[in-house]
Amino acid sequence: MKKMKKLNNKGFSLVELIIVIAIMAVLVGVLAPQFTKYVGQSKTSADGTNADTLRTTAASCLADTTCTYAQTTEQTYTINGSAPTAATADGNLFTLMEAAMGSSNWPSTQSKTTGFTLKITPATGGGYTVDVTY
């Protein structure tokens, strides 16, 4: 009589591996759109926070007694990660803003490439109105 060898198959079969890969592909297909939606919402939320920071900093620096910003017409600046190049023509407003935020912390948009638009309008009766869009 022949002795039969005992088979010790300790691995997975090809069919089992294909089934696991198929299940993972279905899960990724279902979850990926949800993930990208949440990433987009997160970037938009970060843009709103950065715009608020920019608006608050500009308004507080304009109210600072050491600010020499003296434009008499509405001025618009584009900001995306660095101080506007027109800063030298506008007194020390952007120098004060850089000091308040830190020179490397200028806000940049996360969900758009256009950057922020900082609009400073002289208010009637003195002072300035600051608006930031993105």
N, C-alpha and C. Protein backbone atom coordinates (compact mmCIF):
# COMPACT_ATOMS: atom_id res chain seq x y z
N MET A 1 0.82 -1.16 0.00
CA MET A 1 0.00 0.00 0.00
C MET A 1 0.89 1.25 0.00
N LYS A 2 0.46 2.25 -0.77
CA LYS A 2 1.22 3.49 -0.89
C LYS A 2 0.90 4.43 0.26
N LYS A 3 1.93 5.08 0.72
CA LYS A 3 1.72 6.10 1.74
C LYS A 3 1.36 7.41 1.05
N MET A 4 0.35 8.08 1.55
CA MET A 4 -0.05 9.36 0.97
C MET A 4 0.63 10.47 1.76
N LYS A 5 1.15 11.42 1.04
CA LYS A 5 1.77 12.57 1.70
C LYS A 5 0.69 13.54 2.15
N LYS A 6 0.90 14.04 3.32
CA LYS A 6 -0.02 15.05 3.83
C LYS A 6 0.36 16.41 3.23
N LEU A 7 -0.62 17.05 2.62
CA LEU A 7 -0.36 18.37 2.02
C LEU A 7 -0.55 19.45 3.08
N ASN A 8 0.44 20.27 3.23
CA ASN A 8 0.36 21.41 4.16
C ASN A 8 0.28 22.71 3.36
N ASN A 9 -0.85 22.97 2.80
CA ASN A 9 -1.05 24.22 2.07
C ASN A 9 -1.38 25.31 3.09
N LYS A 10 -0.42 26.17 3.30
CA LYS A 10 -0.62 27.23 4.29
C LYS A 10 -0.89 28.58 3.65
N GLY A 11 -0.98 28.68 2.35
CA GLY A 11 -1.19 29.94 1.68
C GLY A 11 -2.63 30.09 1.22
N PHE A 12 -2.88 31.20 0.56
CA PHE A 12 -4.20 31.45 0.01
C PHE A 12 -4.22 31.00 -1.44
N SER A 13 -5.38 30.61 -1.88
CA SER A 13 -5.50 30.22 -3.29
C SER A 13 -5.66 31.49 -4.13
N LEU A 14 -5.46 31.35 -5.41
CA LEU A 14 -5.57 32.48 -6.33
C LEU A 14 -6.99 33.03 -6.32
N VAL A 15 -7.98 32.19 -6.23
CA VAL A 15 -9.37 32.63 -6.21
C VAL A 15 -9.65 33.48 -4.97
N GLU A 16 -9.14 33.05 -3.83
CA GLU A 16 -9.34 33.81 -2.61
C GLU A 16 -8.69 35.20 -2.70
N LEU A 17 -7.50 35.26 -3.27
CA LEU A 17 -6.83 36.55 -3.43
C LEU A 17 -7.59 37.47 -4.38
N ILE A 18 -8.11 36.93 -5.45
CA ILE A 18 -8.87 37.74 -6.42
C ILE A 18 -10.15 38.27 -5.77
N ILE A 19 -10.81 37.45 -4.95
CA ILE A 19 -12.03 37.91 -4.27
C ILE A 19 -11.71 39.05 -3.31
N VAL A 20 -10.63 38.95 -2.56
CA VAL A 20 -10.25 40.02 -1.63
C VAL A 20 -9.92 41.30 -2.40
N ILE A 21 -9.20 41.19 -3.50
CA ILE A 21 -8.86 42.37 -4.31
C ILE A 21 -10.12 43.00 -4.88
N ALA A 22 -11.08 42.18 -5.32
CA ALA A 22 -12.33 42.71 -5.85
C ALA A 22 -13.12 43.46 -4.78
N ILE A 23 -13.16 42.90 -3.57
CA ILE A 23 -13.86 43.59 -2.47
C ILE A 23 -13.19 44.92 -2.15
N MET A 24 -11.86 44.94 -2.13
CA MET A 24 -11.15 46.19 -1.87
C MET A 24 -11.40 47.21 -2.97
N ALA A 25 -11.46 46.77 -4.22
CA ALA A 25 -11.72 47.69 -5.33
C ALA A 25 -13.11 48.31 -5.21
N VAL A 26 -14.10 47.53 -4.81
CA VAL A 26 -15.45 48.06 -4.63
C VAL A 26 -15.46 49.08 -3.50
N LEU A 27 -14.78 48.79 -2.39
CA LEU A 27 -14.73 49.73 -1.27
C LEU A 27 -14.06 51.04 -1.67
N VAL A 28 -12.96 50.95 -2.39
CA VAL A 28 -12.27 52.16 -2.85
C VAL A 28 -13.15 52.95 -3.80
N GLY A 29 -13.84 52.25 -4.69
CA GLY A 29 -14.74 52.92 -5.63
C GLY A 29 -15.87 53.65 -4.95
N VAL A 30 -16.34 53.12 -3.84
CA VAL A 30 -17.44 53.76 -3.10
C VAL A 30 -16.92 54.90 -2.23
N LEU A 31 -15.77 54.72 -1.60
CA LEU A 31 -15.27 55.69 -0.63
C LEU A 31 -14.49 56.85 -1.24
N ALA A 32 -13.86 56.65 -2.39
CA ALA A 32 -13.03 57.70 -2.99
C ALA A 32 -13.80 58.99 -3.27
N PRO A 33 -15.01 58.94 -3.87
CA PRO A 33 -15.73 60.21 -4.09
C PRO A 33 -16.07 60.93 -2.78
N GLN A 34 -16.39 60.18 -1.74
CA GLN A 34 -16.68 60.81 -0.45
C GLN A 34 -15.43 61.49 0.10
N PHE A 35 -14.31 60.82 -0.03
CA PHE A 35 -13.05 61.38 0.46
C PHE A 35 -12.71 62.67 -0.27
N THR A 36 -12.81 62.68 -1.60
CA THR A 36 -12.48 63.90 -2.35
C THR A 36 -13.44 65.03 -2.02
N LYS A 37 -14.71 64.70 -1.74
CA LYS A 37 -15.67 65.73 -1.36
C LYS A 37 -15.25 66.38 -0.04
N TYR A 38 -14.85 65.57 0.92
CA TYR A 38 -14.43 66.11 2.22
C TYR A 38 -13.13 66.89 2.12
N VAL A 39 -12.23 66.47 1.25
CA VAL A 39 -10.99 67.22 1.05
C VAL A 39 -11.31 68.59 0.46
N GLY A 40 -12.23 68.64 -0.51
CA GLY A 40 -12.64 69.92 -1.09
C GLY A 40 -13.28 70.84 -0.07
N GLN A 41 -14.14 70.28 0.79
CA GLN A 41 -14.76 71.08 1.84
C GLN A 41 -13.72 71.60 2.83
N SER A 42 -12.74 70.79 3.11
CA SER A 42 -11.68 71.20 4.03
C SER A 42 -10.87 72.36 3.46
N LYS A 43 -10.56 72.28 2.17
CA LYS A 43 -9.80 73.36 1.53
C LYS A 43 -10.61 74.65 1.50
N THR A 44 -11.90 74.55 1.22
CA THR A 44 -12.75 75.74 1.20
C THR A 44 -12.85 76.35 2.59
N SER A 45 -12.93 75.51 3.61
CA SER A 45 -12.97 75.99 4.99
C SER A 45 -11.65 76.68 5.35
N ALA A 46 -10.54 76.11 4.91
CA ALA A 46 -9.23 76.74 5.16
C ALA A 46 -9.14 78.09 4.47
N ASP A 47 -9.70 78.20 3.26
CA ASP A 47 -9.70 79.49 2.56
C ASP A 47 -10.49 80.53 3.33
N GLY A 48 -11.64 80.14 3.88
CA GLY A 48 -12.45 81.08 4.67
C GLY A 48 -11.71 81.55 5.91
N THR A 49 -11.02 80.64 6.57
CA THR A 49 -10.24 81.00 7.75
C THR A 49 -9.10 81.93 7.38
N ASN A 50 -8.40 81.62 6.28
CA ASN A 50 -7.30 82.49 5.82
C ASN A 50 -7.81 83.87 5.43
N ALA A 51 -8.97 83.94 4.79
CA ALA A 51 -9.54 85.24 4.41
C ALA A 51 -9.90 86.04 5.65
N ASP A 52 -10.48 85.39 6.65
CA ASP A 52 -10.80 86.09 7.90
C ASP A 52 -9.54 86.61 8.59
N THR A 53 -8.49 85.80 8.59
CA THR A 53 -7.22 86.22 9.18
C THR A 53 -6.67 87.44 8.46
N LEU A 54 -6.71 87.40 7.14
CA LEU A 54 -6.21 88.51 6.33
C LEU A 54 -7.03 89.78 6.58
N ARG A 55 -8.35 89.64 6.61
CA ARG A 55 -9.23 90.79 6.83
C ARG A 55 -9.00 91.40 8.21
N THR A 56 -8.95 90.55 9.23
CA THR A 56 -8.75 91.02 10.60
C THR A 56 -7.41 91.70 10.77
N THR A 57 -6.36 91.09 10.20
CA THR A 57 -5.03 91.67 10.32
C THR A 57 -4.95 93.02 9.62
N ALA A 58 -5.51 93.10 8.41
CA ALA A 58 -5.48 94.37 7.68
C ALA A 58 -6.25 95.45 8.43
N ALA A 59 -7.42 95.10 8.95
CA ALA A 59 -8.22 96.09 9.68
C ALA A 59 -7.52 96.57 10.94
N SER A 60 -6.90 95.65 11.68
CA SER A 60 -6.23 96.06 12.91
C SER A 60 -4.97 96.87 12.61
N CYS A 61 -4.28 96.52 11.53
CA CYS A 61 -3.09 97.30 11.17
C CYS A 61 -3.46 98.69 10.67
N LEU A 62 -4.58 98.80 9.94
CA LEU A 62 -5.03 100.12 9.49
C LEU A 62 -5.46 100.99 10.67
N ALA A 63 -5.95 100.38 11.73
CA ALA A 63 -6.36 101.14 12.91
C ALA A 63 -5.18 101.50 13.81
N ASP A 64 -4.03 100.87 13.54
CA ASP A 64 -2.83 101.12 14.34
C ASP A 64 -2.36 102.56 14.11
N THR A 65 -1.97 103.22 15.16
CA THR A 65 -1.55 104.62 15.04
C THR A 65 -0.22 104.77 14.30
N THR A 66 0.56 103.70 14.21
CA THR A 66 1.83 103.80 13.51
C THR A 66 1.69 103.51 12.01
N CYS A 67 0.47 103.18 11.57
CA CYS A 67 0.26 102.88 10.15
C CYS A 67 0.19 104.18 9.35
N THR A 68 0.97 104.26 8.30
CA THR A 68 1.00 105.47 7.48
C THR A 68 0.27 105.29 6.16
N TYR A 69 -0.62 104.32 6.09
CA TYR A 69 -1.41 104.09 4.87
C TYR A 69 -2.35 105.26 4.68
N ALA A 70 -2.25 105.93 3.54
CA ALA A 70 -3.04 107.15 3.34
C ALA A 70 -3.63 107.21 1.94
N GLN A 71 -4.12 106.09 1.42
CA GLN A 71 -4.75 106.11 0.10
C GLN A 71 -6.12 106.77 0.19
N THR A 72 -6.47 107.55 -0.80
CA THR A 72 -7.75 108.25 -0.78
C THR A 72 -8.76 107.61 -1.74
N THR A 73 -8.33 106.63 -2.51
CA THR A 73 -9.24 105.91 -3.40
C THR A 73 -9.16 104.42 -3.07
N GLU A 74 -10.15 103.69 -3.54
CA GLU A 74 -10.18 102.25 -3.29
C GLU A 74 -8.96 101.58 -3.93
N GLN A 75 -8.31 100.73 -3.17
CA GLN A 75 -7.13 100.01 -3.65
C GLN A 75 -7.40 98.51 -3.55
N THR A 76 -6.95 97.76 -4.57
CA THR A 76 -7.14 96.32 -4.59
C THR A 76 -5.79 95.65 -4.74
N TYR A 77 -5.54 94.64 -3.92
CA TYR A 77 -4.28 93.91 -3.94
C TYR A 77 -4.57 92.42 -4.05
N THR A 78 -3.74 91.71 -4.78
CA THR A 78 -3.86 90.26 -4.86
C THR A 78 -2.82 89.64 -3.96
N ILE A 79 -3.27 88.74 -3.10
CA ILE A 79 -2.38 88.11 -2.13
C ILE A 79 -2.52 86.60 -2.25
N ASN A 80 -1.42 85.93 -2.42
CA ASN A 80 -1.43 84.47 -2.43
C ASN A 80 -0.08 83.96 -1.93
N GLY A 81 0.08 83.99 -0.64
CA GLY A 81 1.30 83.44 -0.05
C GLY A 81 2.41 84.43 0.20
N SER A 82 2.28 85.67 -0.27
CA SER A 82 3.32 86.67 -0.01
C SER A 82 2.70 88.07 -0.03
N ALA A 83 3.42 89.00 0.52
CA ALA A 83 2.93 90.38 0.56
C ALA A 83 2.83 90.96 -0.85
N PRO A 84 1.88 91.83 -1.09
CA PRO A 84 1.77 92.45 -2.42
C PRO A 84 3.02 93.24 -2.78
N THR A 85 3.32 93.28 -4.06
CA THR A 85 4.50 94.01 -4.52
C THR A 85 4.31 95.52 -4.41
N ALA A 86 3.07 95.97 -4.31
CA ALA A 86 2.80 97.41 -4.21
C ALA A 86 2.95 97.92 -2.79
N ALA A 87 3.48 97.09 -1.90
CA ALA A 87 3.57 97.47 -0.49
C ALA A 87 4.37 98.74 -0.26
N THR A 88 5.42 98.97 -1.06
CA THR A 88 6.25 100.14 -0.84
C THR A 88 5.50 101.43 -1.14
N ALA A 89 4.52 101.37 -2.03
CA ALA A 89 3.77 102.57 -2.39
C ALA A 89 2.67 102.87 -1.38
N ASP A 90 2.43 101.98 -0.44
CA ASP A 90 1.30 102.14 0.46
C ASP A 90 1.71 102.27 1.92
N GLY A 91 2.72 103.04 2.16
CA GLY A 91 3.14 103.25 3.53
C GLY A 91 3.65 101.96 4.15
N ASN A 92 3.42 101.81 5.42
CA ASN A 92 3.94 100.63 6.11
C ASN A 92 2.84 99.62 6.45
N LEU A 93 1.69 99.68 5.78
CA LEU A 93 0.60 98.76 6.07
C LEU A 93 1.03 97.31 5.95
N PHE A 94 1.65 96.95 4.85
CA PHE A 94 2.01 95.56 4.63
C PHE A 94 3.19 95.13 5.50
N THR A 95 4.02 96.10 5.87
CA THR A 95 5.08 95.79 6.83
C THR A 95 4.48 95.43 8.19
N LEU A 96 3.47 96.20 8.61
CA LEU A 96 2.79 95.90 9.87
C LEU A 96 2.06 94.56 9.79
N MET A 97 1.43 94.29 8.64
CA MET A 97 0.72 93.02 8.48
C MET A 97 1.70 91.85 8.51
N GLU A 98 2.85 92.03 7.87
CA GLU A 98 3.87 90.98 7.89
C GLU A 98 4.36 90.72 9.31
N ALA A 99 4.54 91.79 10.06
CA ALA A 99 4.99 91.63 11.45
C ALA A 99 3.92 90.92 12.28
N ALA A 100 2.65 91.21 12.02
CA ALA A 100 1.57 90.59 12.79
C ALA A 100 1.39 89.12 12.43
N MET A 101 1.53 88.79 11.13
CA MET A 101 1.29 87.41 10.70
C MET A 101 2.56 86.57 10.65
N GLY A 102 3.69 87.23 10.56
CA GLY A 102 4.94 86.50 10.32
C GLY A 102 5.20 86.50 8.83
N SER A 103 6.40 86.77 8.44
CA SER A 103 6.70 86.93 7.02
C SER A 103 6.45 85.66 6.21
N SER A 104 6.51 84.49 6.84
CA SER A 104 6.29 83.26 6.08
C SER A 104 4.87 82.73 6.23
N ASN A 105 3.98 83.49 6.89
CA ASN A 105 2.63 83.01 7.14
C ASN A 105 1.56 83.74 6.35
N TRP A 106 1.93 84.36 5.25
CA TRP A 106 0.92 85.03 4.45
C TRP A 106 -0.04 83.98 3.93
N PRO A 107 -1.35 84.24 4.04
CA PRO A 107 -2.32 83.23 3.61
C PRO A 107 -2.29 82.99 2.11
N SER A 108 -2.49 81.76 1.73
CA SER A 108 -2.64 81.41 0.32
C SER A 108 -3.87 80.54 0.18
N THR A 109 -4.51 80.62 -0.97
CA THR A 109 -5.73 79.85 -1.17
C THR A 109 -5.39 78.38 -1.34
N GLN A 110 -6.26 77.53 -0.82
CA GLN A 110 -6.08 76.09 -0.92
C GLN A 110 -6.91 75.50 -2.06
N SER A 111 -8.11 76.03 -2.28
CA SER A 111 -9.01 75.43 -3.26
C SER A 111 -8.98 76.15 -4.60
N LYS A 112 -8.34 77.29 -4.68
CA LYS A 112 -8.28 78.06 -5.93
C LYS A 112 -6.85 78.55 -6.14
N THR A 113 -6.53 78.87 -7.37
CA THR A 113 -5.19 79.35 -7.66
C THR A 113 -5.14 80.86 -7.83
N THR A 114 -6.28 81.53 -7.77
CA THR A 114 -6.31 82.97 -8.04
C THR A 114 -5.82 83.81 -6.87
N GLY A 115 -5.83 83.29 -5.68
CA GLY A 115 -5.41 84.05 -4.52
C GLY A 115 -6.54 84.87 -3.95
N PHE A 116 -6.21 85.64 -2.93
CA PHE A 116 -7.18 86.51 -2.27
C PHE A 116 -7.10 87.90 -2.88
N THR A 117 -8.23 88.58 -2.91
CA THR A 117 -8.27 89.97 -3.32
C THR A 117 -8.59 90.80 -2.09
N LEU A 118 -7.63 91.61 -1.69
CA LEU A 118 -7.78 92.49 -0.54
C LEU A 118 -8.18 93.87 -1.06
N LYS A 119 -9.38 94.31 -0.70
CA LYS A 119 -9.87 95.60 -1.17
C LYS A 119 -9.99 96.54 0.02
N ILE A 120 -9.29 97.66 -0.05
CA ILE A 120 -9.31 98.66 1.01
C ILE A 120 -9.97 99.92 0.47
N THR A 121 -11.07 100.30 1.10
CA THR A 121 -11.84 101.45 0.65
C THR A 121 -11.88 102.50 1.75
N PRO A 122 -11.50 103.74 1.44
CA PRO A 122 -11.61 104.80 2.45
C PRO A 122 -13.08 104.98 2.85
N ALA A 123 -13.35 104.99 4.14
CA ALA A 123 -14.72 105.16 4.63
C ALA A 123 -15.02 106.63 4.82
N THR A 124 -16.27 106.99 4.63
CA THR A 124 -16.66 108.38 4.88
C THR A 124 -16.55 108.65 6.37
N GLY A 125 -15.97 109.76 6.71
CA GLY A 125 -15.77 110.12 8.11
C GLY A 125 -14.48 109.57 8.68
N GLY A 126 -13.61 109.03 7.81
CA GLY A 126 -12.31 108.53 8.27
C GLY A 126 -12.30 107.02 8.40
N GLY A 127 -11.13 106.50 8.41
CA GLY A 127 -10.95 105.06 8.52
C GLY A 127 -11.06 104.37 7.16
N TYR A 128 -11.03 103.08 7.19
CA TYR A 128 -11.07 102.29 5.96
C TYR A 128 -11.98 101.08 6.15
N THR A 129 -12.57 100.65 5.05
CA THR A 129 -13.32 99.40 5.03
C THR A 129 -12.48 98.37 4.32
N VAL A 130 -12.36 97.19 4.93
CA VAL A 130 -11.52 96.12 4.38
C VAL A 130 -12.43 94.97 3.96
N ASP A 131 -12.23 94.49 2.72
CA ASP A 131 -12.99 93.35 2.23
C ASP A 131 -12.02 92.38 1.57
N VAL A 132 -12.21 91.10 1.81
CA VAL A 132 -11.36 90.07 1.22
C VAL A 132 -12.25 89.07 0.50
N THR A 133 -11.92 88.80 -0.76
CA THR A 133 -12.63 87.78 -1.52
C THR A 133 -11.62 86.79 -2.05
N TYR A 134 -12.12 85.63 -2.41
CA TYR A 134 -11.28 84.58 -2.98
C TYR A 134 -12.08 83.75 -3.93
